[in-house]
PDB file of N, CA and C in Angstrom:
ATOM      1  N   MET A   1     -10.020 -16.762 -69.256  1.00  0.00           N
ATOM      2  CA  MET A   1      -9.080 -16.057 -69.495  1.00  0.00           C
ATOM      3  C   MET A   1      -8.073 -16.013 -70.014  1.00  0.00           C
ATOM      4  N   LYS A   2      -7.840 -17.454 -69.934  1.00  0.00           N
ATOM      5  CA  LYS A   2      -6.239 -18.007 -71.415  1.00  0.00           C
ATOM      6  C   LYS A   2      -6.300 -17.463 -72.674  1.00  0.00           C
ATOM      7  N   ALA A   3      -7.900 -17.602 -73.077  1.00  0.00           N
ATOM      8  CA  ALA A   3      -7.890 -17.102 -74.360  1.00  0.00           C
ATOM      9  C   ALA A   3      -8.114 -15.383 -74.347  1.00  0.00           C
ATOM     10  N   ALA A   4      -8.728 -15.253 -74.332  1.00  0.00           N
ATOM     11  CA  ALA A   4      -8.177 -12.807 -73.599  1.00  0.00           C
ATOM     12  C   ALA A   4      -6.753 -13.086 -73.499  1.00  0.00           C
ATOM     13  N   ARG A   5      -6.684 -13.376 -72.347  1.00  0.00           N
ATOM     14  CA  ARG A   5      -4.353 -13.189 -72.665  1.00  0.00           C
ATOM     15  C   ARG A   5      -4.173 -13.742 -74.229  1.00  0.00           C
ATOM     16  N   THR A   6      -4.210 -14.214 -74.527  1.00  0.00           N
ATOM     17  CA  THR A   6      -3.669 -15.251 -75.164  1.00  0.00           C
ATOM     18  C   THR A   6      -4.250 -13.350 -76.857  1.00  0.00           C
ATOM     19  N   VAL A   7      -5.091 -13.680 -76.413  1.00  0.00           N
ATOM     20  CA  VAL A   7      -5.798 -11.869 -77.545  1.00  0.00           C
ATOM     21  C   VAL A   7      -4.753 -11.536 -77.737  1.00  0.00           C
ATOM     22  N   VAL A   8      -4.665 -10.911 -76.057  1.00  0.00           N
ATOM     23  CA  VAL A   8      -3.865  -9.538 -75.700  1.00  0.00           C
ATOM     24  C   VAL A   8      -2.472  -9.444 -76.179  1.00  0.00           C
ATOM     25  N   ALA A   9      -1.748 -10.641 -75.721  1.00  0.00           N
ATOM     26  CA  ALA A   9      -0.915 -11.194 -76.535  1.00  0.00           C
ATOM     27  C   ALA A   9      -0.714 -10.476 -78.055  1.00  0.00           C
ATOM     28  N   ARG A  10      -0.801 -11.164 -78.420  1.00  0.00           N
ATOM     29  CA  ARG A  10      -1.451 -10.913 -79.818  1.00  0.00           C
ATOM     30  C   ARG A  10      -1.675  -9.829 -80.699  1.00  0.00           C
ATOM     31  N   TRP A  11      -2.110  -9.142 -79.575  1.00  0.00           N
ATOM     32  CA  TRP A  11      -2.688  -7.342 -80.290  1.00  0.00           C
ATOM     33  C   TRP A  11      -1.367  -6.448 -79.682  1.00  0.00           C
ATOM     34  N   ALA A  12      -0.002  -7.353 -78.093  1.00  0.00           N
ATOM     35  CA  ALA A  12       0.297  -6.564 -78.353  1.00  0.00           C
ATOM     36  C   ALA A  12       1.784  -7.239 -79.452  1.00  0.00           C
ATOM     37  N   ASN A  13       1.822  -7.684 -80.356  1.00  0.00           N
ATOM     38  CA  ASN A  13       2.769  -8.801 -80.757  1.00  0.00           C
ATOM     39  C   ASN A  13       2.905  -8.699 -82.356  1.00  0.00           C
ATOM     40  N   GLU A  14       1.188  -8.135 -83.006  1.00  0.00           N
ATOM     41  CA  GLU A  14       1.033  -7.705 -84.076  1.00  0.00           C
ATOM     42  C   GLU A  14       0.616  -5.986 -84.301  1.00  0.00           C
ATOM     43  N   GLY A  15       1.091  -5.053 -82.922  1.00  0.00           N
ATOM     44  CA  GLY A  15       0.553  -4.195 -83.430  1.00  0.00           C
ATOM     45  C   GLY A  15      -0.160  -3.653 -83.370  1.00  0.00           C
ATOM     46  N   LEU A  16      -1.807  -4.697 -83.078  1.00  0.00           N
ATOM     47  CA  LEU A  16      -3.209  -4.599 -83.599  1.00  0.00           C
ATOM     48  C   LEU A  16      -3.660  -3.238 -82.542  1.00  0.00           C
ATOM     49  N   CYS A  17      -3.477  -3.137 -81.535  1.00  0.00           N
ATOM     50  CA  CYS A  17      -4.130  -2.399 -81.152  1.00  0.00           C
ATOM     51  C   CYS A  17      -3.351  -1.259 -79.898  1.00  0.00           C
ATOM     52  N   SER A  18      -3.998  -0.568 -79.742  1.00  0.00           N
ATOM     53  CA  SER A  18      -3.107   0.692 -78.733  1.00  0.00           C
ATOM     54  C   SER A  18      -2.734  -0.035 -77.946  1.00  0.00           C
ATOM     55  N   ALA A  19      -1.374   1.120 -77.018  1.00  0.00           N
ATOM     56  CA  ALA A  19      -0.709   0.241 -76.429  1.00  0.00           C
ATOM     57  C   ALA A  19      -1.210   0.584 -74.931  1.00  0.00           C
ATOM     58  N   ASP A  20      -2.284   1.407 -75.129  1.00  0.00           N
ATOM     59  CA  ASP A  20      -3.221   1.991 -73.305  1.00  0.00           C
ATOM     60  C   ASP A  20      -3.854   0.678 -72.812  1.00  0.00           C
ATOM     61  N   TYR A  21      -4.734   0.396 -74.087  1.00  0.00           N
ATOM     62  CA  TYR A  21      -5.379  -1.305 -74.101  1.00  0.00           C
ATOM     63  C   TYR A  21      -5.365  -2.352 -73.951  1.00  0.00           C
ATOM     64  N   ILE A  22      -3.743  -2.384 -74.020  1.00  0.00           N
ATOM     65  CA  ILE A  22      -2.671  -3.832 -74.252  1.00  0.00           C
ATOM     66  C   ILE A  22      -2.221  -3.412 -72.759  1.00  0.00           C
ATOM     67  N   ASP A  23      -1.765  -2.068 -72.214  1.00  0.00           N
ATOM     68  CA  ASP A  23      -1.438  -2.074 -70.662  1.00  0.00           C
ATOM     69  C   ASP A  23      -2.732  -2.644 -69.835  1.00  0.00           C
ATOM     70  N   ARG A  24      -4.187  -1.780 -70.372  1.00  0.00           N
ATOM     71  CA  ARG A  24      -4.436  -2.616 -69.278  1.00  0.00           C
ATOM     72  C   ARG A  24      -5.222  -3.166 -68.994  1.00  0.00           C
ATOM     73  N   TRP A  25      -5.465  -3.891 -69.855  1.00  0.00           N
ATOM     74  CA  TRP A  25      -5.885  -5.694 -70.251  1.00  0.00           C
ATOM     75  C   TRP A  25      -4.810  -6.519 -69.390  1.00  0.00           C
ATOM     76  N   GLN A  26      -3.837  -6.198 -70.207  1.00  0.00           N
ATOM     77  CA  GLN A  26      -2.952  -7.048 -68.865  1.00  0.00           C
ATOM     78  C   GLN A  26      -3.337  -7.273 -67.486  1.00  0.00           C
ATOM     79  N   ALA A  27      -3.045  -5.975 -66.911  1.00  0.00           N
ATOM     80  CA  ALA A  27      -2.870  -5.114 -65.759  1.00  0.00           C
ATOM     81  C   ALA A  27      -4.965  -5.903 -65.069  1.00  0.00           C
ATOM     82  N   TRP A  28      -6.027  -6.094 -65.943  1.00  0.00           N
ATOM     83  CA  TRP A  28      -6.967  -6.277 -65.287  1.00  0.00           C
ATOM     84  C   TRP A  28      -6.707  -7.593 -65.821  1.00  0.00           C
ATOM     85  N   LEU A  29      -6.346  -8.453 -66.764  1.00  0.00           N
ATOM     86  CA  LEU A  29      -6.852 -10.044 -67.025  1.00  0.00           C
ATOM     87  C   LEU A  29      -5.347 -10.344 -66.174  1.00  0.00           C
ATOM     88  N   ALA A  30      -4.555  -9.816 -64.747  1.00  0.00           N
ATOM     89  CA  ALA A  30      -4.075 -10.405 -64.301  1.00  0.00           C
ATOM     90  C   ALA A  30      -3.835 -10.172 -62.797  1.00  0.00           C
ATOM     91  N   LEU A  31      -6.210  -9.718 -62.492  1.00  0.00           N
ATOM     92  CA  LEU A  31      -6.183  -9.906 -61.982  1.00  0.00           C
ATOM     93  C   LEU A  31      -7.357 -10.942 -60.852  1.00  0.00           C
ATOM     94  N   PRO A  32      -7.429 -11.607 -59.952  1.00  0.00           N
ATOM     95  CA  PRO A  32      -8.487 -12.110 -59.359  1.00  0.00           C
ATOM     96  C   PRO A  32     -10.042 -11.251 -59.755  1.00  0.00           C
ATOM     97  N   LEU A  33     -10.959 -13.107 -60.274  1.00  0.00           N
ATOM     98  CA  LEU A  33     -12.094 -12.552 -60.825  1.00  0.00           C
ATOM     99  C   LEU A  33     -12.831 -11.741 -60.154  1.00  0.00           C
ATOM    100  N   GLN A  34     -12.711 -11.637 -58.610  1.00  0.00           N
ATOM    101  CA  GLN A  34     -13.561 -10.758 -57.921  1.00  0.00           C
ATOM    102  C   GLN A  34     -13.349  -9.429 -57.915  1.00  0.00           C
ATOM    103  N   GLN A  35     -12.340  -9.206 -58.624  1.00  0.00           N
ATOM    104  CA  GLN A  35     -11.603  -7.754 -58.642  1.00  0.00           C
ATOM    105  C   GLN A  35     -11.764  -7.147 -59.949  1.00  0.00           C
ATOM    106  N   LEU A  36     -11.401  -8.642 -61.313  1.00  0.00           N
ATOM    107  CA  LEU A  36     -11.980  -8.094 -61.893  1.00  0.00           C
ATOM    108  C   LEU A  36     -13.135  -7.425 -62.895  1.00  0.00           C
ATOM    109  N   ALA A  37     -13.907  -8.226 -62.582  1.00  0.00           N
ATOM    110  CA  ALA A  37     -15.413  -7.709 -62.994  1.00  0.00           C
ATOM    111  C   ALA A  37     -15.858  -6.906 -62.559  1.00  0.00           C
ATOM    112  N   PRO A  38     -16.166  -6.113 -61.315  1.00  0.00           N
ATOM    113  CA  PRO A  38     -16.105  -4.881 -61.035  1.00  0.00           C
ATOM    114  C   PRO A  38     -15.842  -3.206 -62.078  1.00  0.00           C
ATOM    115  N   LEU A  39     -14.633  -4.218 -62.416  1.00  0.00           N
ATOM    116  CA  LEU A  39     -13.786  -3.325 -63.546  1.00  0.00           C
ATOM    117  C   LEU A  39     -14.640  -3.534 -64.894  1.00  0.00           C
ATOM    118  N   MET A  40     -14.790  -4.321 -65.097  1.00  0.00           N
ATOM    119  CA  MET A  40     -15.285  -5.008 -66.642  1.00  0.00           C
ATOM    120  C   MET A  40     -16.828  -4.352 -66.466  1.00  0.00           C
ATOM    121  N   CYS A  41     -17.292  -4.083 -66.172  1.00  0.00           N
ATOM    122  CA  CYS A  41     -18.795  -4.379 -65.707  1.00  0.00           C
ATOM    123  C   CYS A  41     -19.253  -2.012 -65.216  1.00  0.00           C
ATOM    124  N   GLY A  42     -17.801  -2.201 -64.481  1.00  0.00           N
ATOM    125  CA  GLY A  42     -18.487  -0.512 -64.098  1.00  0.00           C
ATOM    126  C   GLY A  42     -17.643   0.827 -65.228  1.00  0.00           C
ATOM    127  N   ASP A  43     -17.545   1.663 -64.202  1.00  0.00           N
ATOM    128  CA  ASP A  43     -16.690   3.385 -65.094  1.00  0.00           C
ATOM    129  C   ASP A  43     -15.470   2.758 -66.051  1.00  0.00           C
ATOM    130  N   ALA A  44     -14.660   2.528 -64.042  1.00  0.00           N
ATOM    131  CA  ALA A  44     -13.551   2.092 -64.095  1.00  0.00           C
ATOM    132  C   ALA A  44     -12.378   3.023 -64.771  1.00  0.00           C
ATOM    133  N   GLU A  45     -13.147   4.474 -63.486  1.00  0.00           N
ATOM    134  CA  GLU A  45     -12.394   5.789 -64.118  1.00  0.00           C
ATOM    135  C   GLU A  45     -12.087   6.229 -65.283  1.00  0.00           C
ATOM    136  N   GLY A  46     -13.330   6.181 -65.581  1.00  0.00           N
ATOM    137  CA  GLY A  46     -13.663   6.403 -66.993  1.00  0.00           C
ATOM    138  C   GLY A  46     -13.574   5.186 -68.476  1.00  0.00           C
ATOM    139  N   TRP A  47     -12.329   4.358 -67.600  1.00  0.00           N
ATOM    140  CA  TRP A  47     -12.286   3.585 -68.951  1.00  0.00           C
ATOM    141  C   TRP A  47     -12.847   2.290 -69.495  1.00  0.00           C
ATOM    142  N   GLY A  48     -14.325   1.928 -68.108  1.00  0.00           N
ATOM    143  CA  GLY A  48     -15.150   1.455 -69.009  1.00  0.00           C
ATOM    144  C   GLY A  48     -15.402   0.444 -69.881  1.00  0.00           C
ATOM    145  N   PRO A  49     -16.460   2.010 -70.840  1.00  0.00           N
ATOM    146  CA  PRO A  49     -17.300   1.360 -72.240  1.00  0.00           C
ATOM    147  C   PRO A  49     -16.099   1.929 -73.098  1.00  0.00           C
ATOM    148  N   ALA A  50     -14.509   1.898 -72.569  1.00  0.00           N
ATOM    149  CA  ALA A  50     -13.466   2.288 -74.166  1.00  0.00           C
ATOM    150  C   ALA A  50     -13.371   0.108 -73.227  1.00  0.00           C
ATOM    151  N   MET A  51     -12.592  -0.140 -72.684  1.00  0.00           N
ATOM    152  CA  MET A  51     -12.580  -1.519 -72.493  1.00  0.00           C
ATOM    153  C   MET A  51     -13.738  -2.004 -72.482  1.00  0.00           C
ATOM    154  N   ARG A  52     -15.011  -2.328 -72.835  1.00  0.00           N
ATOM    155  CA  ARG A  52     -15.593  -3.088 -72.781  1.00  0.00           C
ATOM    156  C   ARG A  52     -16.064  -2.578 -74.462  1.00  0.00           C
ATOM    157  N   GLN A  53     -15.573  -1.392 -75.330  1.00  0.00           N
ATOM    158  CA  GLN A  53     -15.645  -1.674 -77.010  1.00  0.00           C
ATOM    159  C   GLN A  53     -14.811  -2.658 -77.091  1.00  0.00           C
ATOM    160  N   ASN A  54     -13.685  -2.588 -77.225  1.00  0.00           N
ATOM    161  CA  ASN A  54     -12.482  -3.375 -76.979  1.00  0.00           C
ATOM    162  C   ASN A  54     -11.557  -3.890 -76.517  1.00  0.00           C
ATOM    163  N   SER A  55     -12.538  -5.230 -76.070  1.00  0.00           N
ATOM    164  CA  SER A  55     -12.987  -6.455 -75.378  1.00  0.00           C
ATOM    165  C   SER A  55     -11.771  -7.565 -76.011  1.00  0.00           C
ATOM    166  N   PRO A  56     -11.190  -8.148 -74.871  1.00  0.00           N
ATOM    167  CA  PRO A  56     -10.624  -9.274 -76.467  1.00  0.00           C
ATOM    168  C   PRO A  56     -11.791 -10.258 -76.149  1.00  0.00           C
ATOM    169  N   PHE A  57     -12.432 -10.540 -74.840  1.00  0.00           N
ATOM    170  CA  PHE A  57     -13.454 -11.872 -74.605  1.00  0.00           C
ATOM    171  C   PHE A  57     -14.191 -11.652 -76.130  1.00  0.00           C
ATOM    172  N   ALA A  58     -14.800 -10.602 -77.369  1.00  0.00           N
ATOM    173  CA  ALA A  58     -15.014 -10.997 -77.873  1.00  0.00           C
ATOM    174  C   ALA A  58     -14.617 -12.592 -79.671  1.00  0.00           C
ATOM    175  N   ALA A  59     -12.905 -11.751 -79.560  1.00  0.00           N
ATOM    176  CA  ALA A  59     -11.909 -12.436 -79.761  1.00  0.00           C
ATOM    177  C   ALA A  59     -11.879 -14.477 -79.674  1.00  0.00           C
ATOM    178  N   ALA A  60     -11.987 -14.069 -78.131  1.00  0.00           N
ATOM    179  CA  ALA A  60     -11.177 -15.560 -77.670  1.00  0.00           C
ATOM    180  C   ALA A  60     -12.756 -16.324 -77.108  1.00  0.00           C
ATOM    181  N   ALA A  61     -13.919 -15.710 -77.506  1.00  0.00           N
ATOM    182  CA  ALA A  61     -14.868 -16.941 -77.228  1.00  0.00           C
ATOM    183  C   ALA A  61     -14.769 -16.774 -78.962  1.00  0.00           C
ATOM    184  N   MET A  62     -14.599 -16.636 -80.040  1.00  0.00           N
ATOM    185  CA  MET A  62     -14.148 -17.157 -81.679  1.00  0.00           C
ATOM    186  C   MET A  62     -14.528 -18.172 -81.082  1.00  0.00           C
ATOM    187  N   GLY A  63     -14.833 -19.090 -82.016  1.00  0.00           N
ATOM    188  CA  GLY A  63     -13.753 -20.766 -82.087  1.00  0.00           C
ATOM    189  C   GLY A  63     -12.854 -20.252 -83.068  1.00  0.00           C
ATOM    190  N   PRO A  64     -11.641 -21.253 -82.780  1.00  0.00           N
ATOM    191  CA  PRO A  64     -10.844 -21.327 -84.152  1.00  0.00           C
ATOM    192  C   PRO A  64     -11.001 -21.022 -85.490  1.00  0.00           C
ATOM    193  N   ASN A  65     -11.637 -21.568 -86.462  1.00  0.00           N
ATOM    194  CA  ASN A  65     -12.568 -21.919 -87.191  1.00  0.00           C
ATOM    195  C   ASN A  65     -13.236 -20.286 -87.901  1.00  0.00           C
ATOM    196  N   ILE A  66     -13.364 -20.006 -86.974  1.00  0.00           N
ATOM    197  CA  ILE A  66     -14.606 -18.632 -87.152  1.00  0.00           C
ATOM    198  C   ILE A  66     -13.373 -17.596 -86.976  1.00  0.00           C
ATOM    199  N   ARG A  67     -12.260 -17.340 -85.645  1.00  0.00           N
ATOM    200  CA  ARG A  67     -10.841 -16.408 -85.944  1.00  0.00           C
ATOM    201  C   ARG A  67     -10.185 -16.539 -87.736  1.00  0.00           C
ATOM    202  N   GLN A  68      -9.726 -18.077 -88.166  1.00  0.00           N
ATOM    203  CA  GLN A  68      -9.267 -17.794 -88.856  1.00  0.00           C
ATOM    204  C   GLN A  68      -9.877 -17.920 -90.445  1.00  0.00           C
ATOM    205  N   SER A  69     -11.188 -17.448 -90.236  1.00  0.00           N
ATOM    206  CA  SER A  69     -12.149 -16.792 -91.006  1.00  0.00           C
ATOM    207  C   SER A  69     -12.477 -15.459 -91.476  1.00  0.00           C
ATOM    208  N   VAL A  70     -12.011 -14.664 -90.134  1.00  0.00           N
ATOM    209  CA  VAL A  70     -11.630 -13.499 -90.252  1.00  0.00           C
ATOM    210  C   VAL A  70     -10.309 -13.419 -90.773  1.00  0.00           C
ATOM    211  N   GLU A  71      -9.221 -14.046 -90.199  1.00  0.00           N
ATOM    212  CA  GLU A  71      -7.563 -13.444 -90.747  1.00  0.00           C
ATOM    213  C   GLU A  71      -7.876 -13.709 -92.209  1.00  0.00           C
ATOM    214  N   ASP A  72      -8.285 -14.968 -92.954  1.00  0.00           N
ATOM    215  CA  ASP A  72      -8.136 -15.272 -93.888  1.00  0.00           C
ATOM    216  C   ASP A  72      -9.194 -14.109 -95.069  1.00  0.00           C
ATOM    217  N   GLY A  73     -10.367 -13.359 -94.570  1.00  0.00           N
ATOM    218  CA  GLY A  73     -11.231 -12.794 -94.966  1.00  0.00           C
ATOM    219  C   GLY A  73     -10.115 -11.182 -94.736  1.00  0.00           C
ATOM    220  N   SER A  74      -8.542 -10.982 -94.013  1.00  0.00           N
ATOM    221  CA  SER A  74      -8.048  -9.707 -93.361  1.00  0.00           C
ATOM    222  C   SER A  74      -6.931  -9.191 -94.477  1.00  0.00           C
ATOM    223  N   LYS A  75      -7.049 -10.688 -95.442  1.00  0.00           N
ATOM    224  CA  LYS A  75      -5.694 -10.366 -95.954  1.00  0.00           C
ATOM    225  C   LYS A  75      -5.291  -9.053 -96.775  1.00  0.00           C
ATOM    226  N   GLY A  76      -4.713  -8.525 -97.234  1.00  0.00           N
ATOM    227  CA  GLY A  76      -4.352  -7.066 -97.984  1.00  0.00           C
ATOM    228  C   GLY A  76      -4.880  -5.861 -97.792  1.00  0.00           C
ATOM    229  N   LEU A  77      -4.865  -6.218 -96.302  1.00  0.00           N
ATOM    230  CA  LEU A  77      -5.301  -4.977 -94.595  1.00  0.00           C
ATOM    231  C   LEU A  77      -3.249  -5.255 -94.691  1.00  0.00           C
ATOM    232  N   SER A  78      -3.443  -3.459 -93.724  1.00  0.00           N
ATOM    233  CA  SER A  78      -1.907  -3.512 -93.062  1.00  0.00           C
ATOM    234  C   SER A  78      -2.030  -3.943 -92.082  1.00  0.00           C
ATOM    235  N   ARG A  79      -0.551  -4.507 -90.886  1.00  0.00           N
ATOM    236  CA  ARG A  79      -0.609  -4.959 -90.006  1.00  0.00           C
ATOM    237  C   ARG A  79      -1.305  -4.500 -89.051  1.00  0.00           C
ATOM    238  N   LYS A  80      -1.348  -2.891 -89.267  1.00  0.00           N
ATOM    239  CA  LYS A  80      -1.558  -1.801 -87.932  1.00  0.00           C
ATOM    240  C   LYS A  80      -3.176  -1.753 -88.164  1.00  0.00           C
ATOM    241  N   THR A  81      -3.591  -2.921 -89.061  1.00  0.00           N
ATOM    242  CA  THR A  81      -5.293  -2.703 -88.944  1.00  0.00           C
ATOM    243  C   THR A  81      -5.604  -3.896 -88.368  1.00  0.00           C
ATOM    244  N   PRO A  82      -7.008  -3.380 -87.255  1.00  0.00           N
ATOM    245  CA  PRO A  82      -7.341  -4.261 -86.710  1.00  0.00           C
ATOM    246  C   PRO A  82      -7.866  -5.453 -86.727  1.00  0.00           C
ATOM    247  N   LEU A  83      -8.218  -6.610 -86.744  1.00  0.00           N
ATOM    248  CA  LEU A  83      -9.437  -7.271 -87.509  1.00  0.00           C
ATOM    249  C   LEU A  83     -10.279  -7.265 -85.708  1.00  0.00           C
ATOM    250  N   ILE A  84     -10.352  -7.079 -84.882  1.00  0.00           N
ATOM    251  CA  ILE A  84     -10.781  -7.680 -84.138  1.00  0.00           C
ATOM    252  C   ILE A  84     -10.955  -6.154 -83.076  1.00  0.00           C
ATOM    253  N   SER A  85     -11.650  -5.106 -83.103  1.00  0.00           N
ATOM    254  CA  SER A  85     -11.609  -4.393 -81.945  1.00  0.00           C
ATOM    255  C   SER A  85     -13.030  -4.528 -80.561  1.00  0.00           C
TER     256      SER A  85
END
């Protein structure tokens, strides 16, 4: 989960994602796994599908070489353009 927290911190620091998602993911990732899993798999008060589509786990699961390739391929995009959403 540390890698997912790092991704969310990057979203926040570089303005790569909506504050709604950043705030919610920060809160979710602070929860114990037993509380986090049902949120991630359920409706989560209507947020479940959106949170699964904008998950830090996809970027966290990618190795550093893949992340670097994505970042290298994104040169020329604005800082507001999400690399991974």
